[in-house]
Structure formats: C-alpha cells, structure tokens
C-alpha cells in the first residue's frame, strides 16, 4: 500500500527534520544542510516514495557516521 505525504512527513519528523516552508500541497523540510520537498498527496507514486525513503535512510547513515 502506497504511503501518503503525511506518513512520509511523520517519518522525517521522527528523524529530526523540521518543516521550513509550505506552498500549496508541498512542504519543504530540512535538517542541517539537507533539504527535501514532500508532496502532501493522499498516495505518493512509487518513484517519489522510493526517493524520499532513500534520502531519509541516507541522512540517518550520514548522522551515524559523524558520531
């Protein structure tokens, strides 16, 4: 079942990202020098969902590498 924009935002917030800006149905979130745009749709497409989750995983591994 595809994730919604709210689901993805919840995961990003749990990882320490904060909402920087909202325009229409898109949110910009950031953490340190990283930025990402999350579309707040009921269902995200497979490609954008995969991209967002991959970016989230990469930010977590980068964080662990710095400690």
N, C-alpha and C. Protein backbone atom coordinates (compact mmCIF):
# COMPACT_ATOMS: atom_id res chain seq x y z
N UNK A 1 0.84 -1.18 0.00
CA UNK A 1 0.00 0.00 0.00
C UNK A 1 0.89 1.25 0.00
N UNK A 2 0.64 2.17 -0.92
CA UNK A 2 1.49 3.37 -1.01
C UNK A 2 1.36 4.25 0.24
N UNK A 3 2.44 4.92 0.55
CA UNK A 3 2.44 5.86 1.68
C UNK A 3 1.83 7.18 1.24
N UNK A 4 1.29 7.92 2.19
CA UNK A 4 0.79 9.26 1.91
C UNK A 4 1.89 10.27 2.27
N UNK A 5 1.67 11.51 1.89
CA UNK A 5 2.61 12.57 2.26
C UNK A 5 2.70 12.73 3.77
N UNK A 6 1.56 12.58 4.45
CA UNK A 6 1.54 12.67 5.92
C UNK A 6 2.40 11.57 6.55
N UNK A 7 2.32 10.36 5.99
CA UNK A 7 3.12 9.24 6.51
C UNK A 7 4.62 9.54 6.39
N UNK A 8 5.01 10.03 5.23
CA UNK A 8 6.42 10.33 4.99
C UNK A 8 6.88 11.47 5.88
N UNK A 9 6.04 12.50 6.02
CA UNK A 9 6.39 13.63 6.89
C UNK A 9 6.59 13.15 8.33
N UNK A 10 5.76 12.25 8.78
CA UNK A 10 5.89 11.70 10.14
C UNK A 10 7.25 11.03 10.32
N UNK A 11 7.68 10.27 9.31
CA UNK A 11 8.98 9.60 9.38
C UNK A 11 10.13 10.61 9.41
N UNK A 12 10.03 11.64 8.58
CA UNK A 12 11.07 12.68 8.55
C UNK A 12 11.14 13.42 9.88
N UNK A 13 9.99 13.78 10.43
CA UNK A 13 9.99 14.48 11.72
C UNK A 13 10.58 13.63 12.82
N UNK A 14 10.28 12.34 12.79
CA UNK A 14 10.82 11.42 13.79
C UNK A 14 12.35 11.37 13.71
N UNK A 15 12.89 11.58 12.51
CA UNK A 15 14.34 11.56 12.30
C UNK A 15 14.98 12.92 12.55
N UNK A 16 14.19 13.90 13.01
CA UNK A 16 14.77 15.19 13.37
C UNK A 16 14.66 16.29 12.32
N UNK A 17 13.97 16.04 11.22
CA UNK A 17 13.78 17.06 10.19
C UNK A 17 12.69 18.02 10.65
N UNK A 18 12.77 19.27 10.20
CA UNK A 18 11.76 20.28 10.54
C UNK A 18 11.16 20.87 9.27
N UNK A 19 9.91 21.31 9.37
CA UNK A 19 9.23 21.94 8.23
C UNK A 19 9.75 23.36 8.09
N UNK A 20 10.24 23.71 6.89
CA UNK A 20 10.78 25.03 6.64
C UNK A 20 9.78 25.94 5.94
N UNK A 21 8.97 25.35 5.05
CA UNK A 21 8.11 26.17 4.22
C UNK A 21 7.00 25.30 3.64
N UNK A 22 5.84 25.90 3.44
CA UNK A 22 4.74 25.19 2.80
C UNK A 22 4.14 26.10 1.73
N UNK A 23 3.95 25.53 0.55
CA UNK A 23 3.28 26.26 -0.52
C UNK A 23 2.36 25.28 -1.23
N UNK A 24 1.08 25.52 -1.12
CA UNK A 24 0.12 24.61 -1.73
C UNK A 24 0.17 23.24 -1.09
N UNK A 25 0.33 22.23 -1.90
CA UNK A 25 0.33 20.86 -1.38
C UNK A 25 1.74 20.29 -1.21
N UNK A 26 2.76 21.15 -1.15
CA UNK A 26 4.14 20.69 -1.00
C UNK A 26 4.78 21.34 0.22
N UNK A 27 5.52 20.53 0.98
CA UNK A 27 6.26 21.01 2.14
C UNK A 27 7.75 20.91 1.87
N UNK A 28 8.50 21.90 2.32
CA UNK A 28 9.95 21.81 2.28
C UNK A 28 10.40 21.53 3.71
N UNK A 29 11.20 20.47 3.86
CA UNK A 29 11.73 20.10 5.17
C UNK A 29 13.24 20.17 5.11
N UNK A 30 13.86 20.36 6.26
CA UNK A 30 15.31 20.45 6.29
C UNK A 30 15.90 19.92 7.58
N UNK A 31 17.16 19.57 7.47
CA UNK A 31 17.93 19.11 8.63
C UNK A 31 19.39 19.41 8.31
N UNK A 32 20.01 20.22 9.15
CA UNK A 32 21.38 20.69 8.90
C UNK A 32 21.43 21.37 7.54
N UNK A 33 22.23 20.87 6.62
CA UNK A 33 22.32 21.49 5.28
C UNK A 33 21.52 20.72 4.23
N UNK A 34 20.71 19.75 4.65
CA UNK A 34 19.92 18.94 3.72
C UNK A 34 18.52 19.53 3.58
N UNK A 35 17.97 19.47 2.37
CA UNK A 35 16.62 19.95 2.09
C UNK A 35 15.89 18.91 1.24
N UNK A 36 14.59 18.80 1.44
CA UNK A 36 13.77 17.89 0.65
C UNK A 36 12.37 18.45 0.55
N UNK A 37 11.70 18.19 -0.57
CA UNK A 37 10.31 18.60 -0.78
C UNK A 37 9.42 17.37 -0.71
N UNK A 38 8.39 17.45 0.12
CA UNK A 38 7.46 16.33 0.28
C UNK A 38 6.10 16.76 -0.25
N UNK A 39 5.59 16.07 -1.27
CA UNK A 39 4.23 16.37 -1.73
C UNK A 39 3.22 15.79 -0.75
N UNK A 40 2.26 16.58 -0.34
CA UNK A 40 1.29 16.14 0.65
C UNK A 40 0.05 15.56 -0.04
N UNK A 41 0.25 14.50 -0.79
CA UNK A 41 -0.83 13.84 -1.53
C UNK A 41 -1.32 12.64 -0.73
N UNK A 42 -2.52 12.18 -1.03
CA UNK A 42 -3.07 11.02 -0.32
C UNK A 42 -2.25 9.77 -0.58
N UNK A 43 -1.80 9.60 -1.82
CA UNK A 43 -0.94 8.47 -2.17
C UNK A 43 0.22 9.00 -3.01
N UNK A 44 1.43 8.65 -2.60
CA UNK A 44 2.61 9.05 -3.37
C UNK A 44 2.90 7.99 -4.43
N UNK A 45 3.43 8.42 -5.54
CA UNK A 45 3.83 7.48 -6.58
C UNK A 45 5.01 6.66 -6.09
N UNK A 46 5.21 5.51 -6.73
CA UNK A 46 6.29 4.60 -6.31
C UNK A 46 7.65 5.27 -6.37
N UNK A 47 7.90 6.02 -7.43
CA UNK A 47 9.22 6.63 -7.60
C UNK A 47 9.53 7.67 -6.56
N UNK A 48 8.59 8.58 -6.31
CA UNK A 48 8.83 9.64 -5.33
C UNK A 48 8.90 9.06 -3.92
N UNK A 49 8.08 8.05 -3.65
CA UNK A 49 8.12 7.40 -2.34
C UNK A 49 9.49 6.76 -2.12
N UNK A 50 9.97 6.05 -3.11
CA UNK A 50 11.29 5.40 -3.01
C UNK A 50 12.39 6.43 -2.81
N UNK A 51 12.33 7.54 -3.56
CA UNK A 51 13.34 8.59 -3.47
C UNK A 51 13.37 9.21 -2.08
N UNK A 52 12.20 9.51 -1.53
CA UNK A 52 12.12 10.13 -0.21
C UNK A 52 12.62 9.18 0.88
N UNK A 53 12.26 7.91 0.79
CA UNK A 53 12.71 6.94 1.80
C UNK A 53 14.21 6.69 1.71
N UNK A 54 14.74 6.69 0.48
CA UNK A 54 16.17 6.51 0.29
C UNK A 54 16.95 7.68 0.88
N UNK A 55 16.43 8.90 0.66
CA UNK A 55 17.07 10.11 1.20
C UNK A 55 17.04 10.08 2.72
N UNK A 56 15.93 9.65 3.29
CA UNK A 56 15.81 9.56 4.75
C UNK A 56 16.81 8.56 5.31
N UNK A 57 16.94 7.41 4.67
CA UNK A 57 17.90 6.40 5.13
C UNK A 57 19.33 6.93 5.01
N UNK A 58 19.62 7.64 3.93
CA UNK A 58 20.96 8.20 3.73
C UNK A 58 21.28 9.23 4.81
N UNK A 59 20.30 10.04 5.19
CA UNK A 59 20.54 11.06 6.21
C UNK A 59 20.81 10.41 7.56
N UNK A 60 20.16 9.28 7.80
CA UNK A 60 20.38 8.57 9.07
C UNK A 60 21.77 7.94 9.11
N UNK A 61 22.24 7.38 7.99
CA UNK A 61 23.57 6.78 7.98
C UNK A 61 24.65 7.85 8.04
N UNK A 62 24.41 9.00 7.41
CA UNK A 62 25.36 10.12 7.49
C UNK A 62 25.49 10.59 8.93
N UNK A 63 24.37 10.62 9.63
CA UNK A 63 24.34 11.05 11.02
C UNK A 63 25.14 10.09 11.90
N UNK A 64 24.99 8.80 11.66
CA UNK A 64 25.71 7.79 12.46
C UNK A 64 27.20 7.84 12.17
N UNK A 65 27.57 8.15 10.94
CA UNK A 65 28.97 8.22 10.55
C UNK A 65 29.69 9.39 11.20
N UNK A 66 28.98 10.46 11.53
CA UNK A 66 29.59 11.64 12.13
C UNK A 66 29.82 11.47 13.62
N UNK A 67 29.14 10.52 14.24
CA UNK A 67 29.27 10.33 15.70
C UNK A 67 30.50 9.57 16.05
